[in-house]
C-alpha atoms as a PDB file:
ATOM      1  CA  MET A   1     220.205 128.607 -53.282  1.00  0.00           C
ATOM      2  CA  VAL A   2     222.386 125.661 -52.304  1.00  0.00           C
ATOM      3  CA  PRO A   3     222.242 124.613 -48.631  1.00  0.00           C
ATOM      4  CA  LYS A   4     225.555 124.945 -46.771  1.00  0.00           C
ATOM      5  CA  ASP A   5     225.780 121.240 -45.939  1.00  0.00           C
ATOM      6  CA  ILE A   6     225.257 120.305 -49.595  1.00  0.00           C
ATOM      7  CA  ARG A   7     227.897 122.839 -50.673  1.00  0.00           C
ATOM      8  CA  ALA A   8     230.375 121.419 -48.140  1.00  0.00           C
ATOM      9  CA  ARG A   9     229.708 117.833 -49.262  1.00  0.00           C
ATOM     10  CA  TYR A  10     230.022 118.831 -52.920  1.00  0.00           C
ATOM     11  CA  ASP A  11     233.353 120.576 -52.320  1.00  0.00           C
ATOM     12  CA  LYS A  12     234.692 117.556 -50.426  1.00  0.00           C
ATOM     13  CA  LEU A  13     233.533 115.119 -53.133  1.00  0.00           C
ATOM     14  CA  LYS A  14     234.973 117.273 -55.917  1.00  0.00           C
ATOM     15  CA  LYS A  15     238.318 117.514 -54.170  1.00  0.00           C
ATOM     16  CA  SER A  16     238.401 113.766 -53.457  1.00  0.00           C
ATOM     17  CA  VAL A  17     237.438 112.703 -56.977  1.00  0.00           C
ATOM     18  CA  ASN A  18     239.987 115.049 -58.552  1.00  0.00           C
ATOM     19  CA  TYR A  19     242.665 113.776 -56.159  1.00  0.00           C
ATOM     20  CA  TYR A  20     241.994 110.087 -56.885  1.00  0.00           C
ATOM     21  CA  ARG A  21     241.747 110.691 -60.640  1.00  0.00           C
ATOM     22  CA  THR A  22     245.079 112.526 -60.588  1.00  0.00           C
ATOM     23  CA  LEU A  23     246.687 109.649 -58.688  1.00  0.00           C
ATOM     24  CA  TYR A  24     245.364 107.158 -61.211  1.00  0.00           C
ATOM     25  CA  HIS A  25     245.888 109.034 -64.485  1.00  0.00           C
ATOM     26  CA  VAL A  26     249.055 110.986 -63.728  1.00  0.00           C
ATOM     27  CA  TYR A  27     250.910 108.887 -61.166  1.00  0.00           C
ATOM     28  CA  ASP A  28     249.546 105.414 -62.057  1.00  0.00           C
ATOM     29  CA  ARG A  29     248.543 104.785 -58.433  1.00  0.00           C
ATOM     30  CA  GLU A  30     245.320 103.766 -56.741  1.00  0.00           C
ATOM     31  CA  GLU A  31     244.424 104.431 -53.112  1.00  0.00           C
ATOM     32  CA  ILE A  32     240.799 103.322 -53.420  1.00  0.00           C
ATOM     33  CA  SER A  33     239.051 100.803 -55.637  1.00  0.00           C
ATOM     34  CA  GLN A  34     237.445 101.807 -58.915  1.00  0.00           C
ATOM     35  CA  ALA A  35     234.072 100.884 -57.390  1.00  0.00           C
ATOM     36  CA  ALA A  36     234.654 103.301 -54.506  1.00  0.00           C
ATOM     37  CA  LEU A  37     235.688 106.052 -56.937  1.00  0.00           C
ATOM     38  CA  ASP A  38     232.619 105.369 -59.066  1.00  0.00           C
ATOM     39  CA  SER A  39     230.465 105.736 -55.953  1.00  0.00           C
ATOM     40  CA  LEU A  40     231.997 109.132 -55.162  1.00  0.00           C
ATOM     41  CA  LYS A  41     231.518 110.276 -58.776  1.00  0.00           C
ATOM     42  CA  HIS A  42     227.906 109.097 -58.722  1.00  0.00           C
ATOM     43  CA  GLU A  43     227.156 111.054 -55.543  1.00  0.00           C
ATOM     44  CA  LEU A  44     228.823 114.128 -57.048  1.00  0.00           C
ATOM     45  CA  SER A  45     226.765 113.713 -60.205  1.00  0.00           C
ATOM     46  CA  GLU A  46     223.522 113.467 -58.236  1.00  0.00           C
ATOM     47  CA  ILE A  47     224.296 116.688 -56.359  1.00  0.00           C
ATOM     48  CA  GLU A  48     225.077 118.467 -59.653  1.00  0.00           C
ATOM     49  CA  LYS A  49     221.809 117.240 -61.162  1.00  0.00           C
ATOM     50  CA  GLN A  50     219.815 118.444 -58.170  1.00  0.00           C
ATOM     51  CA  TYR A  51     221.685 121.771 -57.868  1.00  0.00           C
ATOM     52  CA  PRO A  52     222.971 122.819 -61.326  1.00  0.00           C
ATOM     53  CA  ALA A  53     224.094 126.201 -59.977  1.00  0.00           C
ATOM     54  CA  ILE A  54     226.709 124.430 -57.857  1.00  0.00           C
ATOM     55  CA  ILE A  55     228.679 123.067 -60.818  1.00  0.00           C
ATOM     56  CA  ALA A  56     232.240 124.364 -60.633  1.00  0.00           C
ATOM     57  CA  PRO A  57     234.693 124.828 -63.523  1.00  0.00           C
ATOM     58  CA  ASP A  58     236.941 122.141 -62.013  1.00  0.00           C
ATOM     59  CA  SER A  59     234.158 119.597 -61.595  1.00  0.00           C
ATOM     60  CA  PRO A  60     235.289 116.088 -62.562  1.00  0.00           C
ATOM     61  CA  ARG A  61     232.125 115.796 -64.679  1.00  0.00           C
ATOM     62  CA  ARG A  62     233.423 118.540 -66.976  1.00  0.00           C
ATOM     63  CA  GLY A  63     236.103 116.222 -68.353  1.00  0.00           C
ATOM     64  CA  GLU A  64     239.839 116.691 -68.283  1.00  0.00           C
ATOM     65  CA  THR A  65     239.829 120.472 -68.095  1.00  0.00           C
ATOM     66  CA  SER A  66     241.293 120.791 -64.644  1.00  0.00           C
ATOM     67  CA  ALA A  67     244.185 123.121 -63.944  1.00  0.00           C
ATOM     68  CA  ARG A  68     246.690 120.275 -63.650  1.00  0.00           C
ATOM     69  CA  ILE A  69     246.104 119.249 -67.255  1.00  0.00           C
ATOM     70  CA  GLN A  70     245.891 122.801 -68.567  1.00  0.00           C
ATOM     71  CA  LYS A  71     249.307 123.391 -66.981  1.00  0.00           C
ATOM     72  CA  GLY A  72     250.819 120.551 -68.984  1.00  0.00           C
ATOM     73  CA  ALA A  73     250.696 117.571 -66.624  1.00  0.00           C
ATOM     74  CA  PRO A  74     250.890 114.227 -68.433  1.00  0.00           C
ATOM     75  CA  ARG A  75     247.571 112.817 -69.651  1.00  0.00           C
ATOM     76  CA  GLY A  76     246.607 109.213 -69.177  1.00  0.00           C
ATOM     77  CA  ARG A  77     248.871 106.224 -68.922  1.00  0.00           C
ATOM     78  CA  ALA A  78     251.729 105.523 -71.256  1.00  0.00           C
ATOM     79  CA  VAL A  79     251.394 102.335 -73.259  1.00  0.00           C
ATOM     80  CA  VAL A  80     254.579 100.360 -73.800  1.00  0.00           C
ATOM     81  CA  VAL A  81     254.574  97.706 -76.526  1.00  0.00           C
END
């Protein structure tokens, strides 16, 4: 069983990481530094390691399988040469 406070923190981290990744990969914008994003992802990862039952289908650790990409949103940054 996952404690309520851990569940709440996990949900907030998951939402934040997905939001910042979408900004970066889809809209080519950054609101926080890469180091700050890495810190959030690390904390999320530690919670998932400690409580494997908490892992959600839209977890950033599951790769680019979120609904925004499945619905056809652009992937990654375009490279212009």
